[in-house]
């Protein structure tokens, strides 16, 4: 599952605000991005929603970052040497001009909204970076040409409207489906905006179905106006992983006459899908909305661990298909309503009544049951955990580790209603009401990464009230915010350089106050501060039993002892 960068989020917002994408189109692109990875801009372009140049123009209009025709420039050797070839490839950035007197270098970025890449280029060059943007196709051409040591093949330089687009326009005119003046106007608009010719023609009144019919004819494909009556054969659908089907806008639907029939929404991916299938195929073209409906009926489950492993090269597609076939023969997860009834938490009629209200007013079944008083929040949390396969944690029975809690900024915890419970090696266990909140998980991972902490994040389920109580308890005092910063520094230094840092006296005083306050709140009889080989263990004796409270970096021991 891919995480949205800050730049991706900013790009999505400006495209939506500018009316270049509808909310539905953006949500589709975000879903695709989560499963197939890459940048959001690449996903939008691959989906046929916008062209590279149209996105670039939107960025220039909104942020004032100009587009440079990188493929037309001759970059001086002295300038391109400022950034090593491998770094230029990794950061998707190429320096193209230098003002030595001002100490400024002009750099073209594929993603000019990626501030981390910009900062890294500044660190590597020792100069102030003036950002420009380049299209991906122009960057790939300039990279291969400017850094021959990479051994990359030289792609053709970017040009204006593609031959395929021009042929489609001419075909529409020849068939009497479009007049010549409208085509010329559309080509002029495309030259100015960089938008896709098909989208411009549809805006000018060409029916979308007519456009798709001509595209299908041009590519030698059958046009499928609707997918509603289509029932895909699971054996055919299994030829493509869900992530591959989403990436290429393709769904294999059945076997016929020794071929597999595949429904596409984008004819540009015909050859790539054919290679992936590795067997004779017959392609049908359908409008995007019809394809989306077919896709969600065929691949109802989100991308799982197996597909992530394939994307990372740790598992072959063949091995994953075999494993999925075994999984399909196993019993499927039960609906939440069935689980609640089986656990004796609600009656069947309660579920039916809640479903009826849900259909009338929206919302989730579980929220409807809690609001009606038929289900306690604690019981709901346990049922959700059982349904989704995540652990349930009661903070009262299993108190959180404050050391882990202080790794997450207060504003992020409050925004999403989440709370870091404890660390298990390199994994942070995050308390959530709904572990399906992908945006919350993405932003928590990003926050940890910015601190230099390479932790994975896994959800655990608890009630919303329990999370709110923990947030107020651990973040509610001003001094705890300062302590969080000090402890986070300690964690980061251990992670990055294995250095044992000392807490300053004020931070140590705040920590001791916090421990004493917690001991009082939990009726602890005594506090144990125990140095170990790699850290310091702090435990509280509650009801005669020593319970772990937190751990500290080893270098903090002297500061804490001096305060005690």
Foldseek 3Di string as FASTA:
>chain_A
DDFADPLLVVLLVLCCVVVLDDPVLSVLLVQLCVQQPDGSLVSCCLVQSWHLQLSQVSCCVPVVAAEDLLLVADADLVQQVLADLVLCVVQVKGWRDDDVVQQETEMEHQRQSPVVSLVVSCVSNVGHYRYHYYHPQSSQQNSCVSCVVVVDDHDDHDDAADPLQVVLLVVCCVVVQDPPVLLVVLSVVCVVNVTRSLVSVVVVPRDPLVSQCSSCVVLVAAEDAACVVAAADLVQQLLDDLSRCSSQLKGFRDDDPQATEIEHADVVCVVVVCVSSVGHYGYYYYHPVRSVVVSCVNCVDRDDPVSVCVSVVNDPSVVVSVVVVVVVVDDDQDDLLVLCVVVVQAPNVLQVVLVVVCVVPNDDSLVSCVVVVSGDQQSSQCSLCVRVVAAADDCVVPPAALLQQLLDDLVLCVVQLKTFRYDDDQETEIEHQHQVPVNSLSVRCVSCVVLVRRHHYDYHYGGSVRSVVVSCLQVVDPLSNVLSVQQSNQVSCCNPPVDQDERDLVSLLSVVVSVVVVCVVQVFPDWDWAQDDAWIWIWTQHPNDTDTRYIGGNNHVVSNVVND
